[in-house]
Amino acid sequence: MDIMETIQVKPISSKAKNRFANLMARDSVCIIEQIVNNKLFLRSANNRNFFWVALDNDPHWMIQ
């Protein structure tokens, strides 16, 4: 089994805050699925939310 890299996120926009509360159970830990250019494709720890986050100035999420 491969060890997955994790990262923590904080929601900024109202859309992200809604997903954070309803899909992610307010758990900030995410698994990094892909790194493409300047973006990360993340999977929430509970496997209910998949999303892209820009490493610089993402309007929805802040990387912690």
PDB file of N, CA and C in Angstrom:
ATOM      1  N   MET A   1       0.850  -1.190   0.000  1.00  0.00           N
ATOM      2  CA  MET A   1       0.000   0.000   0.000  1.00  0.00           C
ATOM      3  C   MET A   1       0.893   1.249   0.000  1.00  0.00           C
ATOM      4  N   ASP A   2       0.600   2.181  -0.880  1.00  0.00           N
ATOM      5  CA  ASP A   2       1.354   3.437  -0.932  1.00  0.00           C
ATOM      6  C   ASP A   2       0.882   4.370   0.164  1.00  0.00           C
ATOM      7  N   ILE A   3       1.823   5.162   0.671  1.00  0.00           N
ATOM      8  CA  ILE A   3       1.462   6.177   1.658  1.00  0.00           C
ATOM      9  C   ILE A   3       1.030   7.424   0.902  1.00  0.00           C
ATOM     10  N   MET A   4      -0.172   7.872   1.177  1.00  0.00           N
ATOM     11  CA  MET A   4      -0.705   9.050   0.499  1.00  0.00           C
ATOM     12  C   MET A   4      -0.236  10.315   1.216  1.00  0.00           C
ATOM     13  N   GLU A   5       0.058  11.330   0.423  1.00  0.00           N
ATOM     14  CA  GLU A   5       0.401  12.616   1.016  1.00  0.00           C
ATOM     15  C   GLU A   5      -0.878  13.356   1.347  1.00  0.00           C
ATOM     16  N   THR A   6      -0.877  13.995   2.505  1.00  0.00           N
ATOM     17  CA  THR A   6      -2.054  14.747   2.931  1.00  0.00           C
ATOM     18  C   THR A   6      -1.716  16.220   3.068  1.00  0.00           C
ATOM     19  N   ILE A   7      -2.772  17.002   3.076  1.00  0.00           N
ATOM     20  CA  ILE A   7      -2.661  18.447   3.219  1.00  0.00           C
ATOM     21  C   ILE A   7      -3.912  18.908   3.954  1.00  0.00           C
ATOM     22  N   GLN A   8      -3.846  20.072   4.574  1.00  0.00           N
ATOM     23  CA  GLN A   8      -5.026  20.622   5.229  1.00  0.00           C
ATOM     24  C   GLN A   8      -5.474  21.869   4.491  1.00  0.00           C
ATOM     25  N   VAL A   9      -6.792  22.019   4.398  1.00  0.00           N
ATOM     26  CA  VAL A   9      -7.381  23.164   3.709  1.00  0.00           C
ATOM     27  C   VAL A   9      -8.334  23.907   4.636  1.00  0.00           C
ATOM     28  N   LYS A  10      -8.544  25.164   4.297  1.00  0.00           N
ATOM     29  CA  LYS A  10      -9.511  25.999   5.028  1.00  0.00           C
ATOM     30  C   LYS A  10     -10.410  26.650   3.983  1.00  0.00           C
ATOM     31  N   PRO A  11     -11.741  26.535   4.138  1.00  0.00           N
ATOM     32  CA  PRO A  11     -12.643  27.137   3.150  1.00  0.00           C
ATOM     33  C   PRO A  11     -12.661  28.662   3.265  1.00  0.00           C
ATOM     34  N   ILE A  12     -12.740  29.321   2.111  1.00  0.00           N
ATOM     35  CA  ILE A  12     -12.795  30.788   2.070  1.00  0.00           C
ATOM     36  C   ILE A  12     -14.159  31.251   1.557  1.00  0.00           C
ATOM     37  N   SER A  13     -14.568  30.733   0.403  1.00  0.00           N
ATOM     38  CA  SER A  13     -15.821  31.179  -0.213  1.00  0.00           C
ATOM     39  C   SER A  13     -17.019  30.490   0.442  1.00  0.00           C
ATOM     40  N   SER A  14     -18.203  31.027   0.198  1.00  0.00           N
ATOM     41  CA  SER A  14     -19.411  30.416   0.758  1.00  0.00           C
ATOM     42  C   SER A  14     -19.645  29.023   0.171  1.00  0.00           C
ATOM     43  N   LYS A  15     -19.321  28.836  -1.109  1.00  0.00           N
ATOM     44  CA  LYS A  15     -19.448  27.517  -1.740  1.00  0.00           C
ATOM     45  C   LYS A  15     -18.540  26.499  -1.040  1.00  0.00           C
ATOM     46  N   ALA A  16     -17.296  26.894  -0.790  1.00  0.00           N
ATOM     47  CA  ALA A  16     -16.344  26.001  -0.118  1.00  0.00           C
ATOM     48  C   ALA A  16     -16.773  25.734   1.326  1.00  0.00           C
ATOM     49  N   LYS A  17     -17.276  26.746   2.003  1.00  0.00           N
ATOM     50  CA  LYS A  17     -17.734  26.562   3.390  1.00  0.00           C
ATOM     51  C   LYS A  17     -18.904  25.591   3.453  1.00  0.00           C
ATOM     52  N   ASN A  18     -19.790  25.664   2.457  1.00  0.00           N
ATOM     53  CA  ASN A  18     -20.917  24.739   2.381  1.00  0.00           C
ATOM     54  C   ASN A  18     -20.432  23.306   2.172  1.00  0.00           C
ATOM     55  N   ARG A  19     -19.518  23.100   1.242  1.00  0.00           N
ATOM     56  CA  ARG A  19     -18.975  21.759   0.990  1.00  0.00           C
ATOM     57  C   ARG A  19     -18.191  21.241   2.198  1.00  0.00           C
ATOM     58  N   PHE A  20     -17.457  22.150   2.835  1.00  0.00           N
ATOM     59  CA  PHE A  20     -16.676  21.781   4.017  1.00  0.00           C
ATOM     60  C   PHE A  20     -17.595  21.248   5.122  1.00  0.00           C
ATOM     61  N   ALA A  21     -18.710  21.904   5.336  1.00  0.00           N
ATOM     62  CA  ALA A  21     -19.652  21.495   6.381  1.00  0.00           C
ATOM     63  C   ALA A  21     -20.455  20.258   5.976  1.00  0.00           C
ATOM     64  N   ASN A  22     -20.974  20.249   4.750  1.00  0.00           N
ATOM     65  CA  ASN A  22     -21.908  19.200   4.343  1.00  0.00           C
ATOM     66  C   ASN A  22     -21.274  17.950   3.740  1.00  0.00           C
ATOM     67  N   LEU A  23     -20.192  18.095   3.019  1.00  0.00           N
ATOM     68  CA  LEU A  23     -19.568  16.936   2.376  1.00  0.00           C
ATOM     69  C   LEU A  23     -18.333  16.437   3.118  1.00  0.00           C
ATOM     70  N   MET A  24     -17.622  17.349   3.771  1.00  0.00           N
ATOM     71  CA  MET A  24     -16.349  16.983   4.388  1.00  0.00           C
ATOM     72  C   MET A  24     -16.442  16.809   5.904  1.00  0.00           C
ATOM     73  N   ALA A  25     -17.612  16.982   6.477  1.00  0.00           N
ATOM     74  CA  ALA A  25     -17.814  16.843   7.931  1.00  0.00           C
ATOM     75  C   ALA A  25     -16.847  17.708   8.730  1.00  0.00           C
ATOM     76  N   ARG A  26     -16.529  18.867   8.176  1.00  0.00           N
ATOM     77  CA  ARG A  26     -15.633  19.843   8.813  1.00  0.00           C
ATOM     78  C   ARG A  26     -14.237  19.290   9.122  1.00  0.00           C
ATOM     79  N   ASP A  27     -13.806  18.304   8.342  1.00  0.00           N
ATOM     80  CA  ASP A  27     -12.464  17.737   8.474  1.00  0.00           C
ATOM     81  C   ASP A  27     -11.573  18.383   7.417  1.00  0.00           C
ATOM     82  N   SER A  28     -10.548  19.087   7.843  1.00  0.00           N
ATOM     83  CA  SER A  28      -9.703  19.840   6.916  1.00  0.00           C
ATOM     84  C   SER A  28      -8.651  18.990   6.203  1.00  0.00           C
ATOM     85  N   VAL A  29      -8.496  17.743   6.599  1.00  0.00           N
ATOM     86  CA  VAL A  29      -7.478  16.880   5.992  1.00  0.00           C
ATOM     87  C   VAL A  29      -7.949  16.367   4.638  1.00  0.00           C
ATOM     88  N   CYS A  30      -7.061  16.498   3.640  1.00  0.00           N
ATOM     89  CA  CYS A  30      -7.337  16.000   2.296  1.00  0.00           C
ATOM     90  C   CYS A  30      -6.141  15.211   1.792  1.00  0.00           C
ATOM     91  N   ILE A  31      -6.404  14.283   0.903  1.00  0.00           N
ATOM     92  CA  ILE A  31      -5.369  13.475   0.269  1.00  0.00           C
ATOM     93  C   ILE A  31      -5.074  14.079  -1.094  1.00  0.00           C
ATOM     94  N   ILE A  32      -3.801  14.249  -1.401  1.00  0.00           N
ATOM     95  CA  ILE A  32      -3.391  14.786  -2.696  1.00  0.00           C
ATOM     96  C   ILE A  32      -3.448  13.652  -3.715  1.00  0.00           C
ATOM     97  N   GLU A  33      -4.337  13.788  -4.682  1.00  0.00           N
ATOM     98  CA  GLU A  33      -4.503  12.784  -5.734  1.00  0.00           C
ATOM     99  C   GLU A  33      -3.603  13.076  -6.937  1.00  0.00           C
ATOM    100  N   GLN A  34      -3.505  14.360  -7.310  1.00  0.00           N
ATOM    101  CA  GLN A  34      -2.704  14.761  -8.472  1.00  0.00           C
ATOM    102  C   GLN A  34      -2.121  16.140  -8.240  1.00  0.00           C
ATOM    103  N   ILE A  35      -0.992  16.387  -8.889  1.00  0.00           N
ATOM    104  CA  ILE A  35      -0.422  17.735  -8.952  1.00  0.00           C
ATOM    105  C   ILE A  35      -0.219  18.028 -10.431  1.00  0.00           C
ATOM    106  N   VAL A  36      -0.923  19.048 -10.922  1.00  0.00           N
ATOM    107  CA  VAL A  36      -0.836  19.423 -12.330  1.00  0.00           C
ATOM    108  C   VAL A  36      -0.594  20.920 -12.406  1.00  0.00           C
ATOM    109  N   ASN A  37       0.511  21.273 -13.043  1.00  0.00           N
ATOM    110  CA  ASN A  37       0.918  22.673 -13.140  1.00  0.00           C
ATOM    111  C   ASN A  37       0.942  23.293 -11.751  1.00  0.00           C
ATOM    112  N   ASN A  38       0.109  24.252 -11.508  1.00  0.00           N
ATOM    113  CA  ASN A  38       0.103  24.968 -10.230  1.00  0.00           C
ATOM    114  C   ASN A  38      -1.149  24.632  -9.421  1.00  0.00           C
ATOM    115  N   LYS A  39      -1.707  23.434  -9.648  1.00  0.00           N
ATOM    116  CA  LYS A  39      -2.942  23.039  -8.963  1.00  0.00           C
ATOM    117  C   LYS A  39      -2.815  21.656  -8.344  1.00  0.00           C
ATOM    118  N   LEU A  40      -3.560  21.469  -7.251  1.00  0.00           N
ATOM    119  CA  LEU A  40      -3.654  20.166  -6.597  1.00  0.00           C
ATOM    120  C   LEU A  40      -5.067  19.635  -6.761  1.00  0.00           C
ATOM    121  N   PHE A  41      -5.194  18.350  -7.072  1.00  0.00           N
ATOM    122  CA  PHE A  41      -6.493  17.703  -7.077  1.00  0.00           C
ATOM    123  C   PHE A  41      -6.588  16.924  -5.779  1.00  0.00           C
ATOM    124  N   LEU A  42      -7.570  17.287  -4.948  1.00  0.00           N
ATOM    125  CA  LEU A  42      -7.671  16.745  -3.599  1.00  0.00           C
ATOM    126  C   LEU A  42      -8.906  15.876  -3.418  1.00  0.00           C
ATOM    127  N   ARG A  43      -8.775  14.924  -2.507  1.00  0.00           N
ATOM    128  CA  ARG A  43      -9.883  14.071  -2.071  1.00  0.00           C
ATOM    129  C   ARG A  43     -10.034  14.277  -0.580  1.00  0.00           C
ATOM    130  N   SER A  44     -11.252  14.563  -0.147  1.00  0.00           N
ATOM    131  CA  SER A  44     -11.472  14.740   1.289  1.00  0.00           C
ATOM    132  C   SER A  44     -11.213  13.424   2.013  1.00  0.00           C
ATOM    133  N   ALA A  45     -10.863  13.502   3.284  1.00  0.00           N
ATOM    134  CA  ALA A  45     -10.518  12.316   4.070  1.00  0.00           C
ATOM    135  C   ALA A  45     -11.656  11.296   4.099  1.00  0.00           C
ATOM    136  N   ASN A  46     -12.906  11.784   4.019  1.00  0.00           N
ATOM    137  CA  ASN A  46     -14.053  10.864   4.049  1.00  0.00           C
ATOM    138  C   ASN A  46     -14.497  10.419   2.648  1.00  0.00           C
ATOM    139  N   ASN A  47     -13.736  10.789   1.631  1.00  0.00           N
ATOM    140  CA  ASN A  47     -13.990  10.380   0.231  1.00  0.00           C
ATOM    141  C   ASN A  47     -15.291  10.919  -0.359  1.00  0.00           C
ATOM    142  N   ARG A  48     -15.834  11.984   0.188  1.00  0.00           N
ATOM    143  CA  ARG A  48     -17.104  12.516  -0.326  1.00  0.00           C
ATOM    144  C   ARG A  48     -16.947  13.772  -1.171  1.00  0.00           C
ATOM    145  N   ASN A  49     -15.746  14.366  -1.186  1.00  0.00           N
ATOM    146  CA  ASN A  49     -15.554  15.591  -1.954  1.00  0.00           C
ATOM    147  C   ASN A  49     -14.217  15.516  -2.681  1.00  0.00           C
ATOM    148  N   PHE A  50     -14.253  15.802  -3.984  1.00  0.00           N
ATOM    149  CA  PHE A  50     -13.053  15.848  -4.811  1.00  0.00           C
ATOM    150  C   PHE A  50     -13.020  17.227  -5.452  1.00  0.00           C
ATOM    151  N   PHE A  51     -11.863  17.899  -5.419  1.00  0.00           N
ATOM    152  CA  PHE A  51     -11.813  19.261  -5.934  1.00  0.00           C
ATOM    153  C   PHE A  51     -10.386  19.690  -6.249  1.00  0.00           C
ATOM    154  N   TRP A  52     -10.285  20.691  -7.133  1.00  0.00           N
ATOM    155  CA  TRP A  52      -9.006  21.302  -7.489  1.00  0.00           C
ATOM    156  C   TRP A  52      -8.762  22.515  -6.599  1.00  0.00           C
ATOM    157  N   VAL A  53      -7.505  22.733  -6.237  1.00  0.00           N
ATOM    158  CA  VAL A  53      -7.103  23.916  -5.477  1.00  0.00           C
ATOM    159  C   VAL A  53      -5.858  24.497  -6.140  1.00  0.00           C
ATOM    160  N   ALA A  54      -5.909  25.768  -6.476  1.00  0.00           N
ATOM    161  CA  ALA A  54      -4.730  26.451  -7.011  1.00  0.00           C
ATOM    162  C   ALA A  54      -3.762  26.729  -5.865  1.00  0.00           C
ATOM    163  N   LEU A  55      -2.480  26.536  -6.121  1.00  0.00           N
ATOM    164  CA  LEU A  55      -1.488  26.768  -5.074  1.00  0.00           C
ATOM    165  C   LEU A  55      -1.354  28.250  -4.728  1.00  0.00           C
ATOM    166  N   ASP A  56      -1.658  29.111  -5.696  1.00  0.00           N
ATOM    167  CA  ASP A  56      -1.563  30.559  -5.465  1.00  0.00           C
ATOM    168  C   ASP A  56      -2.932  31.213  -5.650  1.00  0.00           C
ATOM    169  N   ASN A  57      -3.398  31.893  -4.635  1.00  0.00           N
ATOM    170  CA  ASN A  57      -4.597  32.709  -4.721  1.00  0.00           C
ATOM    171  C   ASN A  57      -5.861  31.968  -5.165  1.00  0.00           C
ATOM    172  N   ASP A  58      -6.107  30.806  -4.598  1.00  0.00           N
ATOM    173  CA  ASP A  58      -7.350  30.092  -4.913  1.00  0.00           C
ATOM    174  C   ASP A  58      -8.513  30.862  -4.288  1.00  0.00           C
ATOM    175  N   PRO A  59      -9.606  31.100  -5.037  1.00  0.00           N
ATOM    176  CA  PRO A  59     -10.722  31.890  -4.504  1.00  0.00           C
ATOM    177  C   PRO A  59     -11.591  31.130  -3.503  1.00  0.00           C
ATOM    178  N   HIS A  60     -11.453  29.800  -3.441  1.00  0.00           N
ATOM    179  CA  HIS A  60     -12.329  29.005  -2.598  1.00  0.00           C
ATOM    180  C   HIS A  60     -11.646  28.396  -1.369  1.00  0.00           C
ATOM    181  N   TRP A  61     -10.374  28.046  -1.501  1.00  0.00           N
ATOM    182  CA  TRP A  61      -9.676  27.320  -0.431  1.00  0.00           C
ATOM    183  C   TRP A  61      -8.318  27.932  -0.125  1.00  0.00           C
ATOM    184  N   MET A  62      -7.934  27.867   1.142  1.00  0.00           N
ATOM    185  CA  MET A  62      -6.598  28.238   1.569  1.00  0.00           C
ATOM    186  C   MET A  62      -5.896  26.962   2.028  1.00  0.00           C
ATOM    187  N   ILE A  63      -4.685  26.757   1.578  1.00  0.00           N
ATOM    188  CA  ILE A  63      -3.894  25.613   2.013  1.00  0.00           C
ATOM    189  C   ILE A  63      -3.210  25.974   3.317  1.00  0.00           C
ATOM    190  N   GLN A  64      -3.337  25.083   4.296  1.00  0.00           N
ATOM    191  CA  GLN A  64      -2.742  25.347   5.621  1.00  0.00           C
ATOM    192  C   GLN A  64      -1.469  24.563   5.800  1.00  0.00           C
TER     193      GLN A  64
END
